[in-house]
C-alpha atoms as a PDB file:
ATOM      1  CA  UNK A   1      17.436  10.984  -0.641  1.00  0.00           C
ATOM      2  CA  UNK A   2      13.912   9.669  -0.249  1.00  0.00           C
ATOM      3  CA  UNK A   3      14.617   8.426   3.271  1.00  0.00           C
ATOM      4  CA  UNK A   4      15.996  11.868   4.238  1.00  0.00           C
ATOM      5  CA  UNK A   5      12.902  13.604   2.893  1.00  0.00           C
ATOM      6  CA  UNK A   6      10.678  11.117   4.719  1.00  0.00           C
ATOM      7  CA  UNK A   7      12.474  11.755   7.992  1.00  0.00           C
ATOM      8  CA  UNK A   8      12.192  15.498   7.544  1.00  0.00           C
ATOM      9  CA  UNK A   9       8.483  15.133   6.819  1.00  0.00           C
ATOM     10  CA  UNK A  10       7.962  13.099   9.991  1.00  0.00           C
ATOM     11  CA  UNK A  11       9.799  15.744  12.039  1.00  0.00           C
ATOM     12  CA  UNK A  12       7.702  18.481  10.423  1.00  0.00           C
ATOM     13  CA  UNK A  13       4.443  16.678  11.199  1.00  0.00           C
ATOM     14  CA  UNK A  14       5.555  16.071  14.802  1.00  0.00           C
ATOM     15  CA  UNK A  15       6.392  19.736  15.286  1.00  0.00           C
ATOM     16  CA  UNK A  16       3.098  20.788  13.706  1.00  0.00           C
ATOM     17  CA  UNK A  17       1.125  18.493  15.986  1.00  0.00           C
ATOM     18  CA  UNK A  18       3.058  19.703  19.028  1.00  0.00           C
ATOM     19  CA  UNK A  19       2.270  23.321  18.176  1.00  0.00           C
ATOM     20  CA  UNK A  20      -1.455  22.435  17.975  1.00  0.00           C
ATOM     21  CA  UNK A  21      -1.423  20.699  21.350  1.00  0.00           C
ATOM     22  CA  UNK A  22      -1.921  17.280  19.794  1.00  0.00           C
ATOM     23  CA  UNK A  23       0.022  14.064  19.444  1.00  0.00           C
ATOM     24  CA  UNK A  24      -0.281  11.220  16.954  1.00  0.00           C
ATOM     25  CA  UNK A  25      -1.031   7.540  17.390  1.00  0.00           C
ATOM     26  CA  UNK A  26      -0.229   4.889  14.787  1.00  0.00           C
ATOM     27  CA  UNK A  27      -2.815   2.109  14.406  1.00  0.00           C
ATOM     28  CA  UNK A  28      -3.294  -0.946  12.206  1.00  0.00           C
ATOM     29  CA  UNK A  29      -6.578  -1.079  10.302  1.00  0.00           C
ATOM     30  CA  UNK A  30      -7.895  -4.005   8.269  1.00  0.00           C
ATOM     31  CA  UNK A  31      -9.563  -2.599   5.167  1.00  0.00           C
ATOM     32  CA  UNK A  32     -11.731  -4.444   2.630  1.00  0.00           C
ATOM     33  CA  UNK A  33     -10.578  -5.341  -0.872  1.00  0.00           C
ATOM     34  CA  UNK A  34     -11.912  -3.535  -3.914  1.00  0.00           C
ATOM     35  CA  UNK A  35     -13.716  -6.650  -5.116  1.00  0.00           C
ATOM     36  CA  UNK A  36     -15.288  -9.489  -3.174  1.00  0.00           C
ATOM     37  CA  UNK A  37     -14.300 -13.045  -4.076  1.00  0.00           C
ATOM     38  CA  UNK A  38     -16.705 -15.950  -3.343  1.00  0.00           C
ATOM     39  CA  UNK A  39     -16.479 -17.184   0.243  1.00  0.00           C
ATOM     40  CA  UNK A  40     -15.760 -20.707  -1.002  1.00  0.00           C
ATOM     41  CA  UNK A  41     -12.372 -19.567  -2.248  1.00  0.00           C
ATOM     42  CA  UNK A  42      -9.667 -19.869   0.398  1.00  0.00           C
ATOM     43  CA  UNK A  43      -6.667 -21.376  -1.375  1.00  0.00           C
ATOM     44  CA  UNK A  44      -5.258 -19.546  -4.388  1.00  0.00           C
ATOM     45  CA  UNK A  45      -2.740 -20.683  -6.973  1.00  0.00           C
ATOM     46  CA  UNK A  46      -0.680 -18.009  -8.715  1.00  0.00           C
ATOM     47  CA  UNK A  47       0.729 -18.835 -12.141  1.00  0.00           C
ATOM     48  CA  UNK A  48       2.692 -17.031 -14.835  1.00  0.00           C
ATOM     49  CA  UNK A  49       1.108 -16.851 -18.243  1.00  0.00           C
ATOM     50  CA  UNK A  50       2.712 -13.613 -19.451  1.00  0.00           C
ATOM     51  CA  UNK A  51       5.611 -15.226 -21.314  1.00  0.00           C
ATOM     52  CA  UNK A  52       5.424 -15.345 -25.141  1.00  0.00           C
ATOM     53  CA  UNK A  53       4.265 -18.430 -26.987  1.00  0.00           C
ATOM     54  CA  UNK A  54       6.763 -20.455 -28.935  1.00  0.00           C
ATOM     55  CA  UNK A  55       8.020 -18.584 -31.971  1.00  0.00           C
ATOM     56  CA  UNK A  56       7.456 -15.163 -30.311  1.00  0.00           C
ATOM     57  CA  UNK A  57      10.551 -15.139 -28.130  1.00  0.00           C
ATOM     58  CA  UNK A  58      12.840 -13.990 -30.940  1.00  0.00           C
ATOM     59  CA  UNK A  59      10.685 -10.916 -31.514  1.00  0.00           C
ATOM     60  CA  UNK A  60      10.987 -10.013 -27.849  1.00  0.00           C
ATOM     61  CA  UNK A  61      14.742 -10.575 -28.082  1.00  0.00           C
ATOM     62  CA  UNK A  62      14.964  -8.095 -30.962  1.00  0.00           C
ATOM     63  CA  UNK A  63      12.810  -5.595 -29.043  1.00  0.00           C
ATOM     64  CA  UNK A  64      15.217  -5.864 -26.101  1.00  0.00           C
ATOM     65  CA  UNK A  65      18.152  -5.086 -28.338  1.00  0.00           C
ATOM     66  CA  UNK A  66      16.406  -2.104 -29.924  1.00  0.00           C
ATOM     67  CA  UNK A  67      15.167  -0.549 -26.707  1.00  0.00           C
ATOM     68  CA  UNK A  68      18.290  -1.277 -24.673  1.00  0.00           C
ATOM     69  CA  UNK A  69      16.337  -3.254 -22.075  1.00  0.00           C
ATOM     70  CA  UNK A  70      18.067  -6.195 -20.416  1.00  0.00           C
ATOM     71  CA  UNK A  71      17.285  -9.496 -22.126  1.00  0.00           C
ATOM     72  CA  UNK A  72      15.047 -11.624 -19.895  1.00  0.00           C
ATOM     73  CA  UNK A  73      14.374  -8.618 -17.660  1.00  0.00           C
ATOM     74  CA  UNK A  74      10.601  -8.827 -18.027  1.00  0.00           C
ATOM     75  CA  UNK A  75      10.745 -12.584 -17.497  1.00  0.00           C
ATOM     76  CA  UNK A  76      12.518 -12.113 -14.161  1.00  0.00           C
ATOM     77  CA  UNK A  77      10.271  -9.238 -13.156  1.00  0.00           C
ATOM     78  CA  UNK A  78       7.109 -11.179 -13.978  1.00  0.00           C
ATOM     79  CA  UNK A  79       8.232 -13.900 -11.547  1.00  0.00           C
ATOM     80  CA  UNK A  80       8.819 -11.231  -8.933  1.00  0.00           C
ATOM     81  CA  UNK A  81       5.292  -9.952  -9.675  1.00  0.00           C
ATOM     82  CA  UNK A  82       3.920 -13.417  -8.814  1.00  0.00           C
ATOM     83  CA  UNK A  83       5.923 -13.501  -5.602  1.00  0.00           C
ATOM     84  CA  UNK A  84       4.707 -10.029  -4.641  1.00  0.00           C
ATOM     85  CA  UNK A  85       1.093 -11.081  -5.118  1.00  0.00           C
ATOM     86  CA  UNK A  86       1.553 -14.302  -3.092  1.00  0.00           C
ATOM     87  CA  UNK A  87       3.343 -12.433  -0.295  1.00  0.00           C
ATOM     88  CA  UNK A  88       0.611  -9.777  -0.173  1.00  0.00           C
ATOM     89  CA  UNK A  89      -2.108 -12.412   0.039  1.00  0.00           C
ATOM     90  CA  UNK A  90      -0.322 -14.511   2.661  1.00  0.00           C
ATOM     91  CA  UNK A  91       0.370 -11.470   4.862  1.00  0.00           C
ATOM     92  CA  UNK A  92      -3.372 -10.751   4.961  1.00  0.00           C
ATOM     93  CA  UNK A  93      -5.953 -12.843   6.863  1.00  0.00           C
ATOM     94  CA  UNK A  94      -8.249 -13.873   3.997  1.00  0.00           C
ATOM     95  CA  UNK A  95      -6.387 -16.249   1.667  1.00  0.00           C
ATOM     96  CA  UNK A  96      -3.520 -18.680   1.443  1.00  0.00           C
ATOM     97  CA  UNK A  97      -1.598 -18.423  -1.808  1.00  0.00           C
ATOM     98  CA  UNK A  98       1.082 -20.480  -3.526  1.00  0.00           C
ATOM     99  CA  UNK A  99       3.157 -19.688  -6.579  1.00  0.00           C
ATOM    100  CA  UNK A 100       2.797 -22.560  -9.045  1.00  0.00           C
ATOM    101  CA  UNK A 101       6.081 -23.243 -10.771  1.00  0.00           C
ATOM    102  CA  UNK A 102       7.083 -25.832 -13.364  1.00  0.00           C
ATOM    103  CA  UNK A 103       3.915 -25.292 -15.393  1.00  0.00           C
ATOM    104  CA  UNK A 104       4.445 -23.969 -18.933  1.00  0.00           C
ATOM    105  CA  UNK A 105       1.498 -21.689 -19.684  1.00  0.00           C
ATOM    106  CA  UNK A 106       2.090 -19.227 -22.508  1.00  0.00           C
ATOM    107  CA  UNK A 107       0.451 -15.981 -23.488  1.00  0.00           C
ATOM    108  CA  UNK A 108       1.253 -13.235 -25.980  1.00  0.00           C
ATOM    109  CA  UNK A 109       4.350 -11.819 -24.327  1.00  0.00           C
ATOM    110  CA  UNK A 110       2.877  -8.348 -24.938  1.00  0.00           C
ATOM    111  CA  UNK A 111       0.152  -6.142 -23.502  1.00  0.00           C
ATOM    112  CA  UNK A 112      -2.426  -8.011 -25.546  1.00  0.00           C
ATOM    113  CA  UNK A 113      -4.623 -10.430 -23.655  1.00  0.00           C
ATOM    114  CA  UNK A 114      -4.412 -14.120 -24.567  1.00  0.00           C
ATOM    115  CA  UNK A 115      -7.475 -16.298 -24.995  1.00  0.00           C
ATOM    116  CA  UNK A 116      -8.974 -17.566 -21.779  1.00  0.00           C
ATOM    117  CA  UNK A 117      -7.563 -20.818 -20.434  1.00  0.00           C
ATOM    118  CA  UNK A 118      -9.566 -23.962 -21.070  1.00  0.00           C
ATOM    119  CA  UNK A 119     -11.694 -24.806 -18.054  1.00  0.00           C
ATOM    120  CA  UNK A 120     -10.565 -28.437 -18.030  1.00  0.00           C
ATOM    121  CA  UNK A 121      -6.948 -27.280 -17.810  1.00  0.00           C
ATOM    122  CA  UNK A 122      -7.796 -24.860 -15.007  1.00  0.00           C
ATOM    123  CA  UNK A 123      -9.638 -27.579 -13.066  1.00  0.00           C
ATOM    124  CA  UNK A 124      -6.736 -30.002 -13.492  1.00  0.00           C
ATOM    125  CA  UNK A 125      -4.237 -27.419 -12.184  1.00  0.00           C
ATOM    126  CA  UNK A 126      -6.435 -26.566  -9.222  1.00  0.00           C
ATOM    127  CA  UNK A 127      -6.871 -30.239  -8.320  1.00  0.00           C
ATOM    128  CA  UNK A 128      -3.170 -30.919  -8.766  1.00  0.00           C
ATOM    129  CA  UNK A 129      -2.061 -28.079  -6.505  1.00  0.00           C
ATOM    130  CA  UNK A 130      -5.070 -28.267  -4.158  1.00  0.00           C
ATOM    131  CA  UNK A 131      -6.275 -24.703  -4.674  1.00  0.00           C
ATOM    132  CA  UNK A 132      -9.779 -23.352  -5.106  1.00  0.00           C
ATOM    133  CA  UNK A 133      -9.026 -20.783  -7.798  1.00  0.00           C
ATOM    134  CA  UNK A 134      -6.275 -19.813 -10.163  1.00  0.00           C
ATOM    135  CA  UNK A 135      -4.819 -16.366 -10.589  1.00  0.00           C
ATOM    136  CA  UNK A 136      -2.921 -15.996 -13.838  1.00  0.00           C
ATOM    137  CA  UNK A 137      -0.551 -13.155 -14.658  1.00  0.00           C
ATOM    138  CA  UNK A 138      -1.490 -12.956 -18.326  1.00  0.00           C
ATOM    139  CA  UNK A 139       0.181  -9.736 -19.488  1.00  0.00           C
ATOM    140  CA  UNK A 140       3.319  -8.044 -18.228  1.00  0.00           C
ATOM    141  CA  UNK A 141       5.290  -5.136 -19.624  1.00  0.00           C
ATOM    142  CA  UNK A 142       7.654  -2.483 -18.265  1.00  0.00           C
ATOM    143  CA  UNK A 143       8.862   0.934 -19.327  1.00  0.00           C
ATOM    144  CA  UNK A 144      11.949   2.702 -18.001  1.00  0.00           C
ATOM    145  CA  UNK A 145      12.545   6.457 -18.017  1.00  0.00           C
ATOM    146  CA  UNK A 146      15.770   8.053 -16.796  1.00  0.00           C
ATOM    147  CA  UNK A 147      15.959  11.833 -16.513  1.00  0.00           C
ATOM    148  CA  UNK A 148      19.222  13.630 -15.826  1.00  0.00           C
ATOM    149  CA  UNK A 149      19.797  17.297 -15.043  1.00  0.00           C
ATOM    150  CA  UNK A 150      22.171  19.626 -13.260  1.00  0.00           C
ATOM    151  CA  UNK A 151      22.129  23.058 -11.661  1.00  0.00           C
ATOM    152  CA  UNK A 152      24.523  25.480 -10.046  1.00  0.00           C
ATOM    153  CA  UNK A 153      23.967  25.721  -6.287  1.00  0.00           C
ATOM    154  CA  UNK A 154      25.500  27.745  -3.479  1.00  0.00           C
ATOM    155  CA  UNK A 155      27.332  25.948  -0.681  1.00  0.00           C
ATOM    156  CA  UNK A 156      29.383  26.969   2.321  1.00  0.00           C
ATOM    157  CA  UNK A 157      32.852  25.420   2.375  1.00  0.00           C
ATOM    158  CA  UNK A 158      35.383  26.475   5.013  1.00  0.00           C
ATOM    159  CA  UNK A 159      33.029  29.286   5.952  1.00  0.00           C
ATOM    160  CA  UNK A 160      33.098  30.600   2.397  1.00  0.00           C
ATOM    161  CA  UNK A 161      30.234  30.628  -0.068  1.00  0.00           C
ATOM    162  CA  UNK A 162      31.040  28.924  -3.324  1.00  0.00           C
ATOM    163  CA  UNK A 163      29.076  27.967  -6.439  1.00  0.00           C
ATOM    164  CA  UNK A 164      29.204  24.293  -7.417  1.00  0.00           C
ATOM    165  CA  UNK A 165      27.454  22.153  -9.934  1.00  0.00           C
ATOM    166  CA  UNK A 166      25.041  19.552  -8.589  1.00  0.00           C
ATOM    167  CA  UNK A 167      23.786  16.647 -10.679  1.00  0.00           C
ATOM    168  CA  UNK A 168      20.349  15.045 -10.407  1.00  0.00           C
ATOM    169  CA  UNK A 169      18.934  11.775 -11.697  1.00  0.00           C
ATOM    170  CA  UNK A 170      15.357  10.569 -11.670  1.00  0.00           C
ATOM    171  CA  UNK A 171      14.568   6.929 -12.531  1.00  0.00           C
ATOM    172  CA  UNK A 172      10.987   5.962 -13.172  1.00  0.00           C
ATOM    173  CA  UNK A 173       9.829   2.416 -13.704  1.00  0.00           C
ATOM    174  CA  UNK A 174       6.314   1.726 -14.936  1.00  0.00           C
ATOM    175  CA  UNK A 175       4.952  -1.827 -14.796  1.00  0.00           C
ATOM    176  CA  UNK A 176       1.717  -2.867 -16.452  1.00  0.00           C
ATOM    177  CA  UNK A 177       0.386  -6.235 -15.231  1.00  0.00           C
ATOM    178  CA  UNK A 178      -2.773  -7.962 -16.380  1.00  0.00           C
ATOM    179  CA  UNK A 179      -4.479 -10.536 -14.166  1.00  0.00           C
ATOM    180  CA  UNK A 180      -7.265 -13.096 -14.617  1.00  0.00           C
ATOM    181  CA  UNK A 181      -8.918 -15.057 -11.783  1.00  0.00           C
ATOM    182  CA  UNK A 182     -10.382 -18.416 -12.775  1.00  0.00           C
ATOM    183  CA  UNK A 183     -12.900 -20.098 -10.433  1.00  0.00           C
ATOM    184  CA  UNK A 184     -13.387 -23.636 -11.863  1.00  0.00           C
ATOM    185  CA  UNK A 185     -16.133 -24.762  -9.457  1.00  0.00           C
ATOM    186  CA  UNK A 186     -18.523 -22.371 -11.149  1.00  0.00           C
ATOM    187  CA  UNK A 187     -16.489 -21.912 -14.391  1.00  0.00           C
ATOM    188  CA  UNK A 188     -16.499 -18.198 -13.555  1.00  0.00           C
ATOM    189  CA  UNK A 189     -14.030 -15.474 -14.531  1.00  0.00           C
ATOM    190  CA  UNK A 190     -14.049 -13.434 -11.327  1.00  0.00           C
ATOM    191  CA  UNK A 191     -11.736 -10.653 -12.483  1.00  0.00           C
ATOM    192  CA  UNK A 192      -9.759  -9.683 -15.566  1.00  0.00           C
ATOM    193  CA  UNK A 193      -8.016  -6.325 -15.371  1.00  0.00           C
ATOM    194  CA  UNK A 194      -4.728  -4.678 -16.178  1.00  0.00           C
ATOM    195  CA  UNK A 195      -3.060  -2.220 -13.811  1.00  0.00           C
ATOM    196  CA  UNK A 196      -0.227   0.270 -14.164  1.00  0.00           C
ATOM    197  CA  UNK A 197       2.079   0.850 -11.203  1.00  0.00           C
ATOM    198  CA  UNK A 198       5.034   3.213 -11.005  1.00  0.00           C
ATOM    199  CA  UNK A 199       8.079   3.348  -8.754  1.00  0.00           C
ATOM    200  CA  UNK A 200      10.493   6.265  -8.679  1.00  0.00           C
ATOM    201  CA  UNK A 201      14.035   6.815  -7.434  1.00  0.00           C
ATOM    202  CA  UNK A 202      15.585  10.314  -7.197  1.00  0.00           C
ATOM    203  CA  UNK A 203      19.188  11.073  -6.242  1.00  0.00           C
ATOM    204  CA  UNK A 204      21.681  13.953  -6.320  1.00  0.00           C
ATOM    205  CA  UNK A 205      25.502  14.045  -6.262  1.00  0.00           C
ATOM    206  CA  UNK A 206      28.537  16.105  -7.181  1.00  0.00           C
ATOM    207  CA  UNK A 207      29.110  14.305 -10.491  1.00  0.00           C
ATOM    208  CA  UNK A 208      27.020  12.583 -13.110  1.00  0.00           C
ATOM    209  CA  UNK A 209      28.860   9.324 -12.509  1.00  0.00           C
ATOM    210  CA  UNK A 210      28.173   9.424  -8.757  1.00  0.00           C
ATOM    211  CA  UNK A 211      24.503  10.278  -9.085  1.00  0.00           C
ATOM    212  CA  UNK A 212      23.917   7.377 -11.508  1.00  0.00           C
ATOM    213  CA  UNK A 213      25.820   5.035  -9.191  1.00  0.00           C
ATOM    214  CA  UNK A 214      23.367   5.877  -6.406  1.00  0.00           C
ATOM    215  CA  UNK A 215      20.409   4.706  -8.433  1.00  0.00           C
ATOM    216  CA  UNK A 216      19.455   1.038  -8.546  1.00  0.00           C
ATOM    217  CA  UNK A 217      20.358  -0.875 -11.653  1.00  0.00           C
ATOM    218  CA  UNK A 218      17.604  -1.066 -14.246  1.00  0.00           C
ATOM    219  CA  UNK A 219      17.467  -4.820 -13.670  1.00  0.00           C
ATOM    220  CA  UNK A 220      17.067  -4.306  -9.944  1.00  0.00           C
ATOM    221  CA  UNK A 221      14.525  -1.512 -10.465  1.00  0.00           C
ATOM    222  CA  UNK A 222      12.268  -3.582 -12.706  1.00  0.00           C
ATOM    223  CA  UNK A 223      12.385  -6.572 -10.340  1.00  0.00           C
ATOM    224  CA  UNK A 224      11.487  -4.353  -7.388  1.00  0.00           C
ATOM    225  CA  UNK A 225       8.731  -2.710  -9.419  1.00  0.00           C
ATOM    226  CA  UNK A 226       7.383  -6.078 -10.506  1.00  0.00           C
ATOM    227  CA  UNK A 227       7.181  -7.267  -6.883  1.00  0.00           C
ATOM    228  CA  UNK A 228       5.483  -4.021  -5.887  1.00  0.00           C
ATOM    229  CA  UNK A 229       2.918  -4.412  -8.673  1.00  0.00           C
ATOM    230  CA  UNK A 230       2.040  -7.863  -7.360  1.00  0.00           C
ATOM    231  CA  UNK A 231       1.468  -6.517  -3.859  1.00  0.00           C
ATOM    232  CA  UNK A 232      -0.828  -3.848  -5.259  1.00  0.00           C
ATOM    233  CA  UNK A 233      -3.037  -6.431  -6.941  1.00  0.00           C
ATOM    234  CA  UNK A 234      -3.213  -8.353  -3.640  1.00  0.00           C
ATOM    235  CA  UNK A 235      -4.833  -5.286  -2.093  1.00  0.00           C
ATOM    236  CA  UNK A 236      -7.453  -5.262  -4.860  1.00  0.00           C
ATOM    237  CA  UNK A 237      -8.662  -8.790  -4.147  1.00  0.00           C
ATOM    238  CA  UNK A 238      -7.944  -9.362  -0.466  1.00  0.00           C
ATOM    239  CA  UNK A 239      -8.562  -7.412   2.773  1.00  0.00           C
ATOM    240  CA  UNK A 240      -5.247  -5.959   3.920  1.00  0.00           C
ATOM    241  CA  UNK A 241      -3.685  -4.271   6.898  1.00  0.00           C
ATOM    242  CA  UNK A 242      -2.817  -0.569   6.676  1.00  0.00           C
ATOM    243  CA  UNK A 243      -1.030   1.721   9.094  1.00  0.00           C
ATOM    244  CA  UNK A 244      -2.862   4.973   9.727  1.00  0.00           C
ATOM    245  CA  UNK A 245      -2.174   7.920  11.987  1.00  0.00           C
ATOM    246  CA  UNK A 246      -4.689   9.494  14.330  1.00  0.00           C
ATOM    247  CA  UNK A 247      -4.200  12.652  16.328  1.00  0.00           C
ATOM    248  CA  UNK A 248      -5.443  13.261  19.878  1.00  0.00           C
ATOM    249  CA  UNK A 249      -5.323  16.142  22.342  1.00  0.00           C
ATOM    250  CA  UNK A 250      -2.561  15.948  24.885  1.00  0.00           C
ATOM    251  CA  UNK A 251      -2.452  19.240  26.845  1.00  0.00           C
ATOM    252  CA  UNK A 252      -5.998  20.493  27.405  1.00  0.00           C
ATOM    253  CA  UNK A 253      -5.185  20.079  31.087  1.00  0.00           C
ATOM    254  CA  UNK A 254      -2.240  18.794  33.063  1.00  0.00           C
ATOM    255  CA  UNK A 255      -3.963  15.447  33.419  1.00  0.00           C
ATOM    256  CA  UNK A 256      -4.259  15.209  29.597  1.00  0.00           C
ATOM    257  CA  UNK A 257      -0.455  15.148  29.551  1.00  0.00           C
ATOM    258  CA  UNK A 258      -0.511  12.175  31.894  1.00  0.00           C
ATOM    259  CA  UNK A 259      -3.075  10.480  29.670  1.00  0.00           C
ATOM    260  CA  UNK A 260      -0.782  11.067  26.673  1.00  0.00           C
ATOM    261  CA  UNK A 261       1.950   9.142  28.431  1.00  0.00           C
ATOM    262  CA  UNK A 262      -0.494   6.320  29.062  1.00  0.00           C
ATOM    263  CA  UNK A 263      -1.323   6.184  25.336  1.00  0.00           C
ATOM    264  CA  UNK A 264       2.338   5.861  24.439  1.00  0.00           C
ATOM    265  CA  UNK A 265       2.503   2.940  26.869  1.00  0.00           C
ATOM    266  CA  UNK A 266      -0.670   1.403  25.340  1.00  0.00           C
ATOM    267  CA  UNK A 267      -2.401   1.857  28.695  1.00  0.00           C
ATOM    268  CA  UNK A 268      -5.656   2.944  27.098  1.00  0.00           C
ATOM    269  CA  UNK A 269      -7.924   2.157  30.061  1.00  0.00           C
ATOM    270  CA  UNK A 270      -5.896   4.477  32.258  1.00  0.00           C
ATOM    271  CA  UNK A 271      -6.095   7.256  29.656  1.00  0.00           C
ATOM    272  CA  UNK A 272      -9.858   6.739  29.317  1.00  0.00           C
ATOM    273  CA  UNK A 273     -10.362   7.195  33.049  1.00  0.00           C
ATOM    274  CA  UNK A 274      -8.821  10.678  32.743  1.00  0.00           C
ATOM    275  CA  UNK A 275     -10.561  11.756  29.516  1.00  0.00           C
ATOM    276  CA  UNK A 276     -13.979  10.475  30.538  1.00  0.00           C
ATOM    277  CA  UNK A 277     -14.302  12.735  33.584  1.00  0.00           C
ATOM    278  CA  UNK A 278     -13.415  15.757  31.460  1.00  0.00           C
ATOM    279  CA  UNK A 279     -16.214  15.091  28.957  1.00  0.00           C
ATOM    280  CA  UNK A 280     -18.470  16.846  31.454  1.00  0.00           C
ATOM    281  CA  UNK A 281     -16.117  19.751  32.092  1.00  0.00           C
ATOM    282  CA  UNK A 282     -17.811  23.190  32.140  1.00  0.00           C
ATOM    283  CA  UNK A 283     -15.156  24.481  29.722  1.00  0.00           C
ATOM    284  CA  UNK A 284     -16.574  23.536  26.268  1.00  0.00           C
ATOM    285  CA  UNK A 285     -13.101  23.373  24.710  1.00  0.00           C
ATOM    286  CA  UNK A 286     -11.831  20.945  27.322  1.00  0.00           C
ATOM    287  CA  UNK A 287     -15.003  18.818  27.138  1.00  0.00           C
ATOM    288  CA  UNK A 288     -14.854  18.741  23.343  1.00  0.00           C
ATOM    289  CA  UNK A 289     -11.255  17.589  23.340  1.00  0.00           C
ATOM    290  CA  UNK A 290     -12.061  14.948  25.918  1.00  0.00           C
ATOM    291  CA  UNK A 291     -14.954  13.646  23.778  1.00  0.00           C
ATOM    292  CA  UNK A 292     -12.682  13.630  20.759  1.00  0.00           C
ATOM    293  CA  UNK A 293     -10.095  11.555  22.588  1.00  0.00           C
ATOM    294  CA  UNK A 294     -12.815   9.159  23.775  1.00  0.00           C
ATOM    295  CA  UNK A 295     -13.813   8.739  20.118  1.00  0.00           C
ATOM    296  CA  UNK A 296     -10.249   7.700  19.306  1.00  0.00           C
ATOM    297  CA  UNK A 297     -10.159   5.280  22.253  1.00  0.00           C
ATOM    298  CA  UNK A 298     -13.357   3.687  20.983  1.00  0.00           C
ATOM    299  CA  UNK A 299     -11.961   3.376  17.474  1.00  0.00           C
ATOM    300  CA  UNK A 300      -8.798   1.745  18.803  1.00  0.00           C
ATOM    301  CA  UNK A 301     -11.034  -0.668  20.737  1.00  0.00           C
ATOM    302  CA  UNK A 302     -12.879  -1.503  17.527  1.00  0.00           C
ATOM    303  CA  UNK A 303     -16.193   0.025  18.681  1.00  0.00           C
ATOM    304  CA  UNK A 304     -16.906   2.223  15.677  1.00  0.00           C
ATOM    305  CA  UNK A 305     -20.537   3.125  16.597  1.00  0.00           C
ATOM    306  CA  UNK A 306     -19.328   4.382  19.975  1.00  0.00           C
ATOM    307  CA  UNK A 307     -16.492   6.259  18.293  1.00  0.00           C
ATOM    308  CA  UNK A 308     -19.037   7.985  16.044  1.00  0.00           C
ATOM    309  CA  UNK A 309     -21.205   8.852  19.038  1.00  0.00           C
ATOM    310  CA  UNK A 310     -18.299  10.485  20.906  1.00  0.00           C
ATOM    311  CA  UNK A 311     -17.189  12.378  17.768  1.00  0.00           C
ATOM    312  CA  UNK A 312     -20.729  13.740  17.331  1.00  0.00           C
ATOM    313  CA  UNK A 313     -20.730  14.927  20.927  1.00  0.00           C
ATOM    314  CA  UNK A 314     -17.403  16.699  20.418  1.00  0.00           C
ATOM    315  CA  UNK A 315     -18.826  18.595  17.447  1.00  0.00           C
ATOM    316  CA  UNK A 316     -22.543  18.989  18.147  1.00  0.00           C
ATOM    317  CA  UNK A 317     -22.383  19.667  21.897  1.00  0.00           C
ATOM    318  CA  UNK A 318     -19.048  21.384  22.224  1.00  0.00           C
ATOM    319  CA  UNK A 319     -18.361  22.828  18.761  1.00  0.00           C
ATOM    320  CA  UNK A 320     -14.949  21.173  18.231  1.00  0.00           C
ATOM    321  CA  UNK A 321     -14.384  21.775  14.507  1.00  0.00           C
ATOM    322  CA  UNK A 322     -11.769  19.077  14.149  1.00  0.00           C
ATOM    323  CA  UNK A 323     -14.399  16.500  15.077  1.00  0.00           C
ATOM    324  CA  UNK A 324     -16.272  17.111  11.785  1.00  0.00           C
ATOM    325  CA  UNK A 325     -13.517  15.453   9.766  1.00  0.00           C
ATOM    326  CA  UNK A 326     -13.284  12.656  12.274  1.00  0.00           C
ATOM    327  CA  UNK A 327     -17.049  12.008  11.919  1.00  0.00           C
ATOM    328  CA  UNK A 328     -16.575  11.613   8.174  1.00  0.00           C
ATOM    329  CA  UNK A 329     -13.672   9.229   8.689  1.00  0.00           C
ATOM    330  CA  UNK A 330     -15.536   7.046  11.168  1.00  0.00           C
ATOM    331  CA  UNK A 331     -18.631   6.932   8.938  1.00  0.00           C
ATOM    332  CA  UNK A 332     -16.391   5.772   6.080  1.00  0.00           C
ATOM    333  CA  UNK A 333     -14.885   3.078   8.295  1.00  0.00           C
ATOM    334  CA  UNK A 334     -18.334   1.867   9.327  1.00  0.00           C
ATOM    335  CA  UNK A 335     -19.365   1.484   5.678  1.00  0.00           C
ATOM    336  CA  UNK A 336     -16.094  -0.298   4.924  1.00  0.00           C
ATOM    337  CA  UNK A 337     -16.634  -2.573   7.928  1.00  0.00           C
ATOM    338  CA  UNK A 338     -19.835  -3.947   6.449  1.00  0.00           C
ATOM    339  CA  UNK A 339     -17.999  -4.849   3.240  1.00  0.00           C
ATOM    340  CA  UNK A 340     -15.078  -6.279   5.253  1.00  0.00           C
ATOM    341  CA  UNK A 341     -17.342  -8.565   7.286  1.00  0.00           C
ATOM    342  CA  UNK A 342     -18.849  -9.894   4.061  1.00  0.00           C
ATOM    343  CA  UNK A 343     -15.396 -10.630   2.648  1.00  0.00           C
ATOM    344  CA  UNK A 344     -14.140 -12.285   5.838  1.00  0.00           C
ATOM    345  CA  UNK A 345     -17.139 -14.548   6.425  1.00  0.00           C
ATOM    346  CA  UNK A 346     -16.484 -18.297   6.310  1.00  0.00           C
END
């Protein structure tokens, strides 16, 4: 169902843009992390410390029986959480990460934080696995919520309207993961925070049995949610690539339509040659749209100051209202760029 809704949304946006005389362009943007790790850190080791200490496993076993959760589900999902973090870090340009396995580090097995690791142990692990810092998953917990409902709906069958019962199911998986980053060279705790991430699956069918069958198993849902939670923490500590959409004007003149075809072919220089001459057009609307498109071309080229200059011209000289929001967006990107350059420096 989610994929259908997503497709319908894309179609709606495309139709909306077409009615406004604009088209959209997808672009990859490298954004800074929420926190900045020391530049000396390049290799990261990811380790699981969320499992209960000896003697606590039986309590978790009893909890699993009482709550109906799959035994060992959190253990599996915590490993997926580690893999999600490592994958997120390795798919970004800042760090190399490795999941450290075969090391028995224990925590509380609950949402309570354990004591910090001993620095000598941290240093030994980092030397052994040739990493600069250690990221420990120190708490991990999951909650599952399944909501079921039904409603009578009208359908057309054999050209006749009939009332049928439709069943709905909504599965929500919440994962709470707590992470600590140990930097042994300076015996510094860089970050210790817990985060809550939720994934949701919604389906509908003609029977309760069918709608439940369309949902992922709880085991599969928690593993997927654990992996997702790891990727979210990667974004917190490492610059990451994001796909964003930008709109541009495609039919201010007949030549704008030609330029739009060039954009789809990634022939930006050819499109610029068309837009640039219209930036001096006596028609303020045409000139404003041309300046706006030049701002986009500059952003795609990575020249953010030039993009800001063109966006200001579109608004201040030609009164293009849409350019005001674009000015704010470019200014935000410029401020982020300063932080990004700091994080990416060698």
